[in-house]
Amino acid sequence: MQSPILDETLPHQMNFPSFKGTGKKMQQPFINQYDVVIGDSKYDSENSPLHNWSDEVDPAIMAGEEWIHPTNDIGWISEENQGLL
């Protein structure tokens, strides 16, 4: 599994903060209990609900901690979250 991390940041994501010197280490992508890769910035796992979406899919299936990457998350772009660094 390839990692999108470069020098404690994700340069491919516009306005993404650098974690360098913050004491918070970038974490590698992981595979959740549904066999979906989380945190690789590709969003391309075969088992992802995104690949099998229909009107019958409940979006709540993608809720919970197993769907959130601690350091590769769009939420880090917000000013409030960057203040945590």
C-alpha atoms as a PDB file:
ATOM      1  CA  MET A   1       0.000   0.000   0.000  1.00  0.00           C
ATOM      2  CA  GLN A   2       1.472   3.348  -1.029  1.00  0.00           C
ATOM      3  CA  SER A   3       1.530   6.267   1.360  1.00  0.00           C
ATOM      4  CA  PRO A   4       0.687   9.805   0.217  1.00  0.00           C
ATOM      5  CA  ILE A   5       2.845  11.331   3.006  1.00  0.00           C
ATOM      6  CA  LEU A   6       5.786  13.549   2.025  1.00  0.00           C
ATOM      7  CA  ASP A   7       7.818  15.329   4.711  1.00  0.00           C
ATOM      8  CA  GLU A   8       4.955  15.206   7.263  1.00  0.00           C
ATOM      9  CA  THR A   9       2.373  16.717   4.921  1.00  0.00           C
ATOM     10  CA  LEU A  10       0.104  15.783   2.014  1.00  0.00           C
ATOM     11  CA  PRO A  11       1.257  18.110  -0.782  1.00  0.00           C
ATOM     12  CA  HIS A  12      -1.410  16.891  -3.210  1.00  0.00           C
ATOM     13  CA  GLN A  13      -4.173  18.335  -0.993  1.00  0.00           C
ATOM     14  CA  MET A  14      -4.578  22.083  -1.343  1.00  0.00           C
ATOM     15  CA  ASN A  15      -4.219  24.024   1.926  1.00  0.00           C
ATOM     16  CA  PHE A  16      -3.376  20.872   3.882  1.00  0.00           C
ATOM     17  CA  PRO A  17      -1.278  21.709   6.952  1.00  0.00           C
ATOM     18  CA  SER A  18       2.214  20.460   7.657  1.00  0.00           C
ATOM     19  CA  PHE A  19       2.481  18.283  10.742  1.00  0.00           C
ATOM     20  CA  LYS A  20       6.255  18.839  10.792  1.00  0.00           C
ATOM     21  CA  GLY A  21       7.437  20.136  14.167  1.00  0.00           C
ATOM     22  CA  THR A  22       3.982  19.852  15.763  1.00  0.00           C
ATOM     23  CA  GLY A  23       4.632  16.688  17.741  1.00  0.00           C
ATOM     24  CA  LYS A  24       1.830  14.967  15.821  1.00  0.00           C
ATOM     25  CA  LYS A  25       3.098  12.289  13.447  1.00  0.00           C
ATOM     26  CA  MET A  26       1.435  11.578  10.123  1.00  0.00           C
ATOM     27  CA  GLN A  27      -0.044   8.088  10.185  1.00  0.00           C
ATOM     28  CA  GLN A  28       0.053   5.546   7.395  1.00  0.00           C
ATOM     29  CA  PRO A  29      -3.089   4.400   5.559  1.00  0.00           C
ATOM     30  CA  PHE A  30      -4.911   1.445   7.112  1.00  0.00           C
ATOM     31  CA  ILE A  31      -7.467  -1.164   6.069  1.00  0.00           C
ATOM     32  CA  ASN A  32     -10.695  -1.040   8.058  1.00  0.00           C
ATOM     33  CA  GLN A  33     -12.916  -3.944   9.095  1.00  0.00           C
ATOM     34  CA  TYR A  34     -14.738  -3.750   5.735  1.00  0.00           C
ATOM     35  CA  ASP A  35     -11.472  -4.288   3.815  1.00  0.00           C
ATOM     36  CA  VAL A  36     -11.459  -0.669   2.613  1.00  0.00           C
ATOM     37  CA  VAL A  37      -8.217   1.334   2.544  1.00  0.00           C
ATOM     38  CA  ILE A  38      -8.534   4.521   4.594  1.00  0.00           C
ATOM     39  CA  GLY A  39      -6.057   7.385   4.262  1.00  0.00           C
ATOM     40  CA  ASP A  40      -4.403   6.641   0.916  1.00  0.00           C
ATOM     41  CA  SER A  41      -6.065   9.638  -0.826  1.00  0.00           C
ATOM     42  CA  LYS A  42      -7.212   7.408  -3.696  1.00  0.00           C
ATOM     43  CA  TYR A  43     -10.673   6.363  -2.472  1.00  0.00           C
ATOM     44  CA  ASP A  44     -10.494   3.394  -4.799  1.00  0.00           C
ATOM     45  CA  SER A  45     -10.955   0.228  -2.708  1.00  0.00           C
ATOM     46  CA  GLU A  46     -13.021  -2.443  -4.456  1.00  0.00           C
ATOM     47  CA  ASN A  47     -15.122  -3.032  -1.346  1.00  0.00           C
ATOM     48  CA  SER A  48     -15.849   0.651  -0.792  1.00  0.00           C
ATOM     49  CA  PRO A  49     -19.514   1.614  -0.669  1.00  0.00           C
ATOM     50  CA  LEU A  50     -18.512   4.398  -3.076  1.00  0.00           C
ATOM     51  CA  HIS A  51     -17.964   1.742  -5.780  1.00  0.00           C
ATOM     52  CA  ASN A  52     -21.250   0.030  -5.013  1.00  0.00           C
ATOM     53  CA  TRP A  53     -23.491   3.032  -4.479  1.00  0.00           C
ATOM     54  CA  SER A  54     -27.198   2.903  -5.250  1.00  0.00           C
ATOM     55  CA  ASP A  55     -30.440   4.343  -3.895  1.00  0.00           C
ATOM     56  CA  GLU A  56     -30.559   1.388  -1.499  1.00  0.00           C
ATOM     57  CA  VAL A  57     -27.210   2.169   0.191  1.00  0.00           C
ATOM     58  CA  ASP A  58     -27.606   3.893   3.544  1.00  0.00           C
ATOM     59  CA  PRO A  59     -24.891   6.590   3.870  1.00  0.00           C
ATOM     60  CA  ALA A  60     -24.684   5.716   7.576  1.00  0.00           C
ATOM     61  CA  ILE A  61     -22.707   2.617   6.554  1.00  0.00           C
ATOM     62  CA  MET A  62     -19.705   4.933   6.206  1.00  0.00           C
ATOM     63  CA  ALA A  63     -20.087   6.489   9.668  1.00  0.00           C
ATOM     64  CA  GLY A  64     -17.819   5.723  12.592  1.00  0.00           C
ATOM     65  CA  GLU A  65     -14.170   5.744  13.571  1.00  0.00           C
ATOM     66  CA  GLU A  66     -13.225   2.951  11.148  1.00  0.00           C
ATOM     67  CA  TRP A  67     -13.929   5.362   8.263  1.00  0.00           C
ATOM     68  CA  ILE A  68     -11.841   8.280   9.563  1.00  0.00           C
ATOM     69  CA  HIS A  69      -8.092   8.584   9.127  1.00  0.00           C
ATOM     70  CA  PRO A  70      -6.475  10.482  12.019  1.00  0.00           C
ATOM     71  CA  THR A  71      -4.128  12.592   9.877  1.00  0.00           C
ATOM     72  CA  ASN A  72      -5.283  12.250   6.250  1.00  0.00           C
ATOM     73  CA  ASP A  73      -8.708  13.796   6.615  1.00  0.00           C
ATOM     74  CA  ILE A  74     -10.232  16.772   4.828  1.00  0.00           C
ATOM     75  CA  GLY A  75     -11.118  18.219   8.232  1.00  0.00           C
ATOM     76  CA  TRP A  76      -7.492  19.239   8.765  1.00  0.00           C
ATOM     77  CA  ILE A  77      -7.958  21.959   6.148  1.00  0.00           C
ATOM     78  CA  SER A  78     -10.274  23.924   8.460  1.00  0.00           C
ATOM     79  CA  GLU A  79      -8.743  26.828  10.365  1.00  0.00           C
ATOM     80  CA  GLU A  80     -10.129  25.504  13.658  1.00  0.00           C
ATOM     81  CA  ASN A  81      -8.464  22.110  13.264  1.00  0.00           C
ATOM     82  CA  GLN A  82      -5.193  23.617  12.058  1.00  0.00           C
ATOM     83  CA  GLY A  83      -5.199  25.583  15.315  1.00  0.00           C
ATOM     84  CA  LEU A  84      -4.918  22.238  17.123  1.00  0.00           C
ATOM     85  CA  LEU A  85      -1.491  21.737  15.579  1.00  0.00           C
END
